[in-house]
Amino acid sequence: MKIGSLDLESNLFLSPLAGYTNLPFRLTAKSLGGLGLVTTDLVNARSLLEGRAVAYKMIATDAREQPMAVQLFGGVAEEMRDAAVIAAEKGAQSIDINMGCPVKKVVKTGSGSSMMKDHDKTRELVKGMIDAVKVPITAKMRLGWDSENITAPELARTLEDIGVSAIYIHGRTRAQGFSGGVDLEGIRKVKEAVKSIPVIGNGDVTTPEAARIMLERTGCDGVSIGRGAFYNPWIFRQTLHYLNTGVLLPDPNFEQRVELMRVHLERMIEFYGELKGCIQFRKVAVWYAKRFGPSKYFKDRVVRVESMEHFQEIMDGYRQWRLRFCGDDGELQEKYRPVDPYSSITHEPQEAPDKIKVPKGPVEKW
């Protein structure tokens, strides 16, 4: 798989998720294999130009995760151009432009999903970034503003013509937010609209089977995974093996998941400091627990974890509590085993039972 000048290990990508895809998680996912390219949280271009420490923390990188992409958002062409230069100087091997975020505080700045409405303005902004840096520039977008304004195919063609290296396409509109099913036909139309650049599909890929279906039905060149990587950080290795062989690798057992979670927390503490690292980790630990089977004991306590020692105490207690749901072999009894994560690609359409948290209420008010 190639993105511009980058040769990637696979055609599988880690989607940017605000508050989640920080360096510790990117390193954790990358270490398991199968992951072609990681991307940072979405970073405010103006924050980089103002030298804000939090923005520079977000683009911090490590050789073990590379190649990596920085995702930028902003509606001012000069700011996006200059922020791209900074990101490239700080080690980004690719710059991704956020044209998909539906949240009001992003959209009202003229960035995120609003960039899909004014193609001339967006074209000039992107062209300025391409001219300013040598690393590949990509764009992540939705199908359009709403079902009456499906603009992604036209915008993808426009961006290809000015030199964008790849398009990431989330198979929902801005009006949908994260509700409803992923429109595979909509992703296919974006793929058909471009001549030669890769198109990477995104949305509801929570299992290797969902990835295969998206690739087959849309003709897209790769798949970007967000929520599915928090259910299961092994998903990239499992998916790559499944695509190559047709064989599903066995899921990691409970102790393997616990050990990875401990390593992840260790990285969070190293990167943020002990207390802040633990606070940041609390929301992530709950996602690990979704594959533990019964986990109320663990979830009730890990949301207050304050140190590595405290985490070990919680785990010791949880192991004992969990035994009541296991058989003589130490494995969960059949009735307590977790089911596959929901995906609108492989399940009947419904509201996903587990989502990354978004603002409440209609998307227009986010």
Protein backbone atom coordinates (compact mmCIF):
# COMPACT_ATOMS: atom_id res chain seq x y z
CA MET A 1 0.00 0.00 0.00
CA LYS A 2 1.34 3.42 -0.93
CA ILE A 3 0.22 6.87 0.17
CA GLY A 4 2.16 9.27 -2.00
CA SER A 5 5.81 8.48 -1.32
CA LEU A 6 5.05 6.32 1.73
CA ASP A 7 5.32 2.53 1.52
CA LEU A 8 3.05 1.05 4.17
CA GLU A 9 3.03 -2.34 5.90
CA SER A 10 -0.64 -2.87 5.07
CA ASN A 11 -3.79 -1.21 3.79
CA LEU A 12 -5.17 -0.88 7.33
CA PHE A 13 -5.25 2.48 9.11
CA LEU A 14 -5.93 3.75 12.63
CA SER A 15 -8.62 6.43 12.47
CA PRO A 16 -8.09 9.68 14.38
CA LEU A 17 -10.36 9.90 17.42
CA ALA A 18 -10.33 13.03 19.58
CA GLY A 19 -9.12 12.21 23.06
CA TYR A 20 -8.17 8.63 22.21
CA THR A 21 -5.52 8.26 19.50
CA ASN A 22 -2.69 9.73 21.53
CA LEU A 23 0.89 8.47 21.31
CA PRO A 24 0.50 5.77 24.01
CA PHE A 25 -2.43 4.16 22.22
CA ARG A 26 -0.83 4.50 18.79
CA LEU A 27 2.29 2.75 20.06
CA THR A 28 0.19 0.02 21.67
CA ALA A 29 -1.80 -0.68 18.51
CA LYS A 30 1.26 -0.48 16.25
CA SER A 31 3.22 -2.94 18.41
CA LEU A 32 0.70 -5.71 17.67
CA GLY A 33 1.34 -5.71 13.92
CA GLY A 34 -0.76 -5.33 10.80
CA LEU A 35 -1.23 -1.57 11.08
CA GLY A 36 -0.10 0.44 8.06
CA LEU A 37 -0.47 4.05 9.23
CA VAL A 38 -1.44 5.70 12.52
CA THR A 39 -3.00 9.15 12.80
CA THR A 40 -3.06 11.59 15.70
CA ASP A 41 -6.08 13.13 17.37
CA LEU A 42 -7.43 16.04 15.35
CA VAL A 43 -5.18 19.02 16.08
CA ASN A 44 -6.23 22.66 15.89
CA ALA A 45 -3.93 24.37 13.37
CA ARG A 46 -4.11 27.69 15.21
CA SER A 47 -3.05 26.03 18.47
CA LEU A 48 0.14 24.83 16.80
CA LEU A 49 0.88 28.32 15.47
CA GLU A 50 0.32 29.78 18.93
CA GLY A 51 2.79 27.30 20.37
CA ARG A 52 0.36 25.73 22.81
CA ALA A 53 1.91 22.87 24.74
CA VAL A 54 -1.17 20.65 24.46
CA ALA A 55 -1.07 20.84 20.65
CA TYR A 56 2.61 19.93 20.51
CA LYS A 57 1.93 17.05 22.90
CA MET A 58 -0.68 15.77 20.46
CA ILE A 59 1.78 15.62 17.54
CA ALA A 60 4.63 14.09 19.56
CA THR A 61 5.88 10.94 17.87
CA ASP A 62 8.19 7.99 18.41
CA ALA A 63 10.15 5.96 15.86
CA ARG A 64 8.32 2.81 16.94
CA GLU A 65 4.98 4.08 15.61
CA GLN A 66 6.17 5.56 12.33
CA PRO A 67 5.04 6.22 9.71
CA MET A 68 2.49 8.49 11.34
CA ALA A 69 0.13 11.19 10.12
CA VAL A 70 -0.97 14.35 11.89
CA GLN A 71 -4.60 15.30 11.35
CA LEU A 72 -5.19 19.06 11.24
CA PHE A 73 -8.39 21.06 11.34
CA GLY A 74 -8.91 24.72 10.60
CA GLY A 75 -10.71 27.02 8.20
CA VAL A 76 -8.00 29.60 7.50
CA ALA A 77 -5.80 28.66 4.55
CA GLU A 78 -2.63 30.37 5.80
CA GLU A 79 -2.95 28.78 9.24
CA MET A 80 -3.45 25.31 7.82
CA ARG A 81 -0.46 25.78 5.50
CA ASP A 82 1.84 26.94 8.29
CA ALA A 83 0.60 24.27 10.70
CA ALA A 84 1.36 21.61 8.08
CA VAL A 85 4.92 22.91 7.87
CA ILE A 86 5.30 22.68 11.65
CA ALA A 87 3.85 19.15 11.76
CA ALA A 88 6.20 17.97 9.01
CA GLU A 89 9.18 19.55 10.78
CA LYS A 90 8.19 17.74 13.99
CA GLY A 91 8.21 14.32 12.34
CA ALA A 92 4.87 13.75 10.62
CA GLN A 93 5.26 11.59 7.51
CA SER A 94 1.83 12.65 6.24
CA ILE A 95 -0.69 15.42 6.92
CA ASP A 96 -4.40 14.58 6.97
CA ILE A 97 -7.02 17.32 6.68
CA ASN A 98 -10.17 16.87 8.76
CA MET A 99 -13.17 17.46 6.51
CA GLY A 100 -15.49 15.11 8.37
CA CYS A 101 -15.88 16.18 12.00
CA PRO A 102 -19.57 17.07 12.57
CA VAL A 103 -19.13 18.78 15.96
CA LYS A 104 -20.37 22.40 16.01
CA LYS A 105 -17.26 23.92 17.61
CA VAL A 106 -15.22 22.55 14.68
CA VAL A 107 -17.76 23.22 11.93
CA LYS A 108 -18.37 26.85 12.97
CA THR A 109 -14.70 27.67 12.30
CA GLY A 110 -15.15 26.74 8.63
CA SER A 111 -13.39 23.42 9.12
CA GLY A 112 -14.52 19.83 9.59
CA SER A 113 -17.64 18.91 7.63
CA SER A 114 -18.25 22.51 6.58
CA MET A 115 -15.32 22.19 4.14
CA MET A 116 -17.53 19.96 2.00
CA LYS A 117 -19.87 22.85 1.17
CA ASP A 118 -17.53 25.39 -0.45
CA HIS A 119 -15.33 23.45 -2.85
CA ASP A 120 -13.51 26.47 -4.29
CA LYS A 121 -12.39 27.64 -0.85
CA THR A 122 -11.44 24.12 0.17
CA ARG A 123 -9.48 23.62 -3.04
CA GLU A 124 -7.38 26.72 -2.43
CA LEU A 125 -6.74 25.80 1.20
CA VAL A 126 -5.59 22.30 0.30
CA LYS A 127 -3.47 23.49 -2.63
CA GLY A 128 -1.60 25.82 -0.30
CA MET A 129 -0.76 22.94 2.03
CA ILE A 130 0.38 20.68 -0.82
CA ASP A 131 2.69 23.39 -2.13
CA ALA A 132 4.16 24.07 1.33
CA VAL A 133 5.33 20.59 2.36
CA LYS A 134 6.96 17.56 0.76
CA VAL A 135 5.04 14.92 2.76
CA PRO A 136 1.79 13.49 1.36
CA ILE A 137 -1.39 15.45 2.04
CA THR A 138 -4.60 13.44 2.48
CA ALA A 139 -8.20 14.37 3.29
CA LYS A 140 -10.76 12.64 5.47
CA MET A 141 -14.37 13.49 4.62
CA ARG A 142 -17.94 12.34 4.98
CA LEU A 143 -20.33 11.59 2.14
CA GLY A 144 -21.73 15.11 2.36
CA TRP A 145 -23.50 17.61 4.58
CA ASP A 146 -26.79 15.67 4.47
CA SER A 147 -28.62 13.18 2.26
CA GLU A 148 -29.62 15.97 -0.13
CA ASN A 149 -26.05 17.16 -0.52
CA ILE A 150 -23.78 14.18 -1.28
CA THR A 151 -20.69 16.08 -2.38
CA ALA A 152 -17.87 13.64 -1.58
CA PRO A 153 -17.39 12.22 -5.11
CA GLU A 154 -17.06 15.68 -6.67
CA LEU A 155 -14.81 16.95 -3.89
CA ALA A 156 -12.60 13.85 -4.10
CA ARG A 157 -12.10 14.47 -7.84
CA THR A 158 -11.26 18.11 -7.19
CA LEU A 159 -8.69 17.24 -4.55
CA GLU A 160 -7.09 14.52 -6.67
CA ASP A 161 -6.63 17.03 -9.48
CA ILE A 162 -4.59 19.35 -7.23
CA GLY A 163 -2.37 16.62 -5.81
CA VAL A 164 -3.96 15.06 -2.73
CA SER A 165 -2.40 11.64 -2.13
CA ALA A 166 -5.41 9.76 -0.71
CA ILE A 167 -9.02 10.16 0.40
CA TYR A 168 -10.46 8.71 3.60
CA ILE A 169 -14.24 8.47 3.39
CA HIS A 170 -16.59 7.88 6.33
CA GLY A 171 -19.77 6.35 4.99
CA ARG A 172 -22.15 8.75 6.74
CA THR A 173 -23.24 12.36 6.22
CA ARG A 174 -22.64 15.21 8.63
CA ALA A 175 -26.35 15.22 9.49
CA GLN A 176 -26.15 11.58 10.57
CA GLY A 177 -23.40 12.18 13.09
CA PHE A 178 -22.61 8.63 14.19
CA SER A 179 -26.14 7.27 13.89
CA GLY A 180 -27.64 5.02 11.24
CA GLY A 181 -25.81 2.56 9.06
CA VAL A 182 -22.69 3.05 6.97
CA ASP A 183 -23.49 3.60 3.29
CA LEU A 184 -21.18 1.25 1.41
CA GLU A 185 -22.65 2.34 -1.92
CA GLY A 186 -21.71 5.93 -1.06
CA ILE A 187 -18.10 4.88 -0.40
CA ARG A 188 -18.08 2.98 -3.73
CA LYS A 189 -19.14 6.13 -5.60
CA VAL A 190 -16.20 8.06 -4.11
CA LYS A 191 -13.83 5.28 -5.20
CA GLU A 192 -15.25 5.39 -8.72
CA ALA A 193 -14.95 9.19 -8.85
CA VAL A 194 -11.15 9.27 -8.62
CA LYS A 195 -8.67 8.11 -11.22
CA SER A 196 -5.66 6.73 -9.39
CA ILE A 197 -5.28 7.81 -5.75
CA PRO A 198 -6.19 5.37 -2.95
CA VAL A 199 -9.60 5.64 -1.28
CA ILE A 200 -9.79 4.33 2.27
CA GLY A 201 -13.20 3.39 3.66
CA ASN A 202 -14.21 4.10 7.25
CA GLY A 203 -17.14 3.52 9.56
CA ASP A 204 -18.36 0.59 11.69
CA VAL A 205 -15.41 -1.68 10.93
CA THR A 206 -15.31 -3.52 14.25
CA THR A 207 -14.31 -7.00 13.03
CA PRO A 208 -12.15 -8.52 10.30
CA GLU A 209 -15.33 -9.71 8.56
CA ALA A 210 -16.67 -6.14 8.40
CA ALA A 211 -13.37 -4.98 6.87
CA ARG A 212 -13.54 -7.66 4.16
CA ILE A 213 -17.14 -6.77 3.28
CA MET A 214 -16.32 -3.06 3.04
CA LEU A 215 -13.39 -3.75 0.72
CA GLU A 216 -15.36 -6.14 -1.47
CA ARG A 217 -18.53 -4.08 -1.81
CA THR A 218 -16.94 -0.66 -2.26
CA GLY A 219 -13.75 -1.50 -4.16
CA CYS A 220 -11.88 0.81 -1.78
CA ASP A 221 -8.14 0.33 -1.41
CA GLY A 222 -7.93 0.19 2.35
CA VAL A 223 -9.88 0.41 5.59
CA SER A 224 -9.52 2.83 8.49
CA ILE A 225 -10.57 1.55 11.91
CA GLY A 226 -11.46 3.62 14.98
CA ARG A 227 -13.92 2.21 17.51
CA GLY A 228 -13.03 -1.36 16.52
CA ALA A 229 -9.44 -0.78 17.66
CA PHE A 230 -10.64 0.12 21.15
CA TYR A 231 -12.75 -3.00 21.40
CA ASN A 232 -9.77 -4.98 20.23
CA PRO A 233 -6.29 -3.48 19.59
CA TRP A 234 -5.35 -6.76 17.84
CA ILE A 235 -7.87 -6.06 15.06
CA PHE A 236 -5.22 -4.89 12.57
CA ARG A 237 -3.14 -8.06 12.84
CA GLN A 238 -6.27 -10.23 12.79
CA THR A 239 -7.73 -8.40 9.80
CA LEU A 240 -4.54 -8.51 7.75
CA HIS A 241 -4.23 -12.26 8.37
CA TYR A 242 -7.89 -12.81 7.48
CA LEU A 243 -7.64 -10.80 4.26
CA ASN A 244 -4.52 -12.73 3.22
CA THR A 245 -5.60 -16.23 4.23
CA GLY A 246 -9.35 -16.30 4.87
CA VAL A 247 -8.59 -17.63 8.35
CA LEU A 248 -9.62 -15.83 11.54
CA LEU A 249 -6.94 -15.79 14.21
CA PRO A 250 -8.11 -16.73 17.70
CA ASP A 251 -8.95 -13.88 20.01
CA PRO A 252 -6.44 -13.06 22.75
CA ASN A 253 -7.31 -14.59 26.10
CA PHE A 254 -8.15 -12.63 29.24
CA GLU A 255 -4.61 -12.50 30.62
CA GLN A 256 -3.19 -11.34 27.28
CA ARG A 257 -5.71 -8.49 27.24
CA VAL A 258 -4.85 -7.58 30.83
CA GLU A 259 -1.13 -7.53 30.06
CA LEU A 260 -1.65 -5.28 27.03
CA MET A 261 -3.83 -2.99 29.14
CA ARG A 262 -1.07 -2.79 31.75
CA VAL A 263 1.52 -1.92 29.09
CA HIS A 264 -0.84 0.71 27.69
CA LEU A 265 -1.28 2.27 31.13
CA GLU A 266 2.48 2.21 31.64
CA ARG A 267 2.89 4.20 28.42
CA MET A 268 0.20 6.66 29.50
CA ILE A 269 1.99 7.27 32.79
CA GLU A 270 5.35 7.67 31.06
CA PHE A 271 3.87 10.17 28.58
CA TYR A 272 1.55 12.22 30.82
CA GLY A 273 2.79 11.58 34.36
CA GLU A 274 1.22 9.15 36.82
CA LEU A 275 -2.00 10.91 37.88
CA LYS A 276 -2.83 12.53 34.55
CA GLY A 277 -1.93 9.34 32.72
CA CYS A 278 -4.30 7.37 34.95
CA ILE A 279 -7.09 9.91 34.49
CA GLN A 280 -6.67 9.73 30.70
CA PHE A 281 -6.61 5.94 30.88
CA ARG A 282 -9.91 5.59 32.76
CA LYS A 283 -12.09 5.95 29.67
CA VAL A 284 -9.85 3.60 27.68
CA ALA A 285 -9.91 0.87 30.34
CA VAL A 286 -13.69 0.65 30.05
CA TRP A 287 -13.26 -0.25 26.35
CA TYR A 288 -10.83 -3.05 27.20
CA ALA A 289 -13.43 -4.35 29.66
CA LYS A 290 -15.99 -4.81 26.89
CA ARG A 291 -14.13 -8.01 25.93
CA PHE A 292 -13.72 -9.29 29.51
CA GLY A 293 -17.21 -10.73 29.96
CA PRO A 294 -18.81 -9.69 33.28
CA SER A 295 -16.80 -6.68 34.43
CA LYS A 296 -18.90 -4.54 36.76
CA TYR A 297 -16.37 -4.92 39.60
CA PHE A 298 -13.58 -3.72 37.34
CA LYS A 299 -15.46 -0.84 35.69
CA ASP A 300 -16.78 0.51 38.99
CA ARG A 301 -13.22 0.81 40.30
CA VAL A 302 -11.01 1.57 37.29
CA VAL A 303 -12.82 4.87 36.68
CA ARG A 304 -11.08 6.06 39.86
CA VAL A 305 -7.63 4.56 39.25
CA GLU A 306 -4.84 6.90 40.38
CA SER A 307 -1.58 4.93 40.08
CA MET A 308 -0.08 1.77 38.66
CA GLU A 309 -0.12 0.23 42.13
CA HIS A 310 -3.81 1.07 42.44
CA PHE A 311 -4.44 -0.54 39.04
CA GLN A 312 -2.70 -3.74 40.14
CA GLU A 313 -4.87 -3.83 43.28
CA ILE A 314 -8.01 -3.44 41.19
CA MET A 315 -6.92 -6.25 38.87
CA ASP A 316 -6.13 -8.59 41.77
CA GLY A 317 -9.61 -8.05 43.18
CA TYR A 318 -11.24 -8.37 39.77
CA ARG A 319 -9.54 -11.67 39.00
CA GLN A 320 -11.02 -13.16 42.17
CA TRP A 321 -14.47 -11.67 41.51
CA ARG A 322 -14.46 -12.93 37.90
CA LEU A 323 -13.85 -16.57 38.88
CA ARG A 324 -17.56 -17.03 39.67
CA PHE A 325 -18.30 -16.72 35.94
CA CYS A 326 -15.62 -19.21 34.84
CA GLY A 327 -15.59 -22.96 34.46
CA ASP A 328 -13.12 -25.43 35.95
CA ASP A 329 -10.70 -24.62 33.12
CA GLY A 330 -10.56 -20.96 34.19
CA GLU A 331 -12.29 -19.75 31.00
CA LEU A 332 -15.60 -17.90 30.93
CA GLN A 333 -18.67 -20.09 30.80
CA GLU A 334 -20.37 -19.93 27.40
CA LYS A 335 -23.29 -17.80 28.58
CA TYR A 336 -20.95 -15.10 29.90
CA ARG A 337 -18.71 -14.76 26.86
CA PRO A 338 -18.86 -11.42 25.03
CA VAL A 339 -20.51 -11.31 21.61
CA ASP A 340 -18.90 -9.77 18.54
CA PRO A 341 -18.99 -5.95 18.51
CA TYR A 342 -21.92 -4.41 16.64
CA SER A 343 -21.39 -3.21 13.08
CA SER A 344 -24.07 -1.95 10.69
CA ILE A 345 -22.04 -3.75 8.00
CA THR A 346 -22.56 -7.22 9.46
CA HIS A 347 -25.68 -6.75 11.64
CA GLU A 348 -29.21 -5.56 11.02
CA PRO A 349 -29.27 -1.73 11.18
CA GLN A 350 -29.76 -0.38 14.69
CA GLU A 351 -28.15 2.05 17.06
CA ALA A 352 -24.71 0.79 18.04
CA PRO A 353 -24.79 -0.21 21.74
CA ASP A 354 -21.30 1.14 22.28
CA LYS A 355 -20.01 4.40 20.83
CA ILE A 356 -17.22 6.82 21.41
CA LYS A 357 -18.91 9.56 23.45
CA VAL A 358 -20.30 12.49 21.47
CA PRO A 359 -22.39 15.47 22.56
CA LYS A 360 -26.05 14.76 23.34
CA GLY A 361 -29.00 15.97 21.30
CA PRO A 362 -29.42 16.66 17.57
CA VAL A 363 -26.20 16.89 15.57
CA GLU A 364 -27.08 20.47 14.61
CA LYS A 365 -26.55 21.50 18.25
CA TRP A 366 -23.26 19.66 18.86
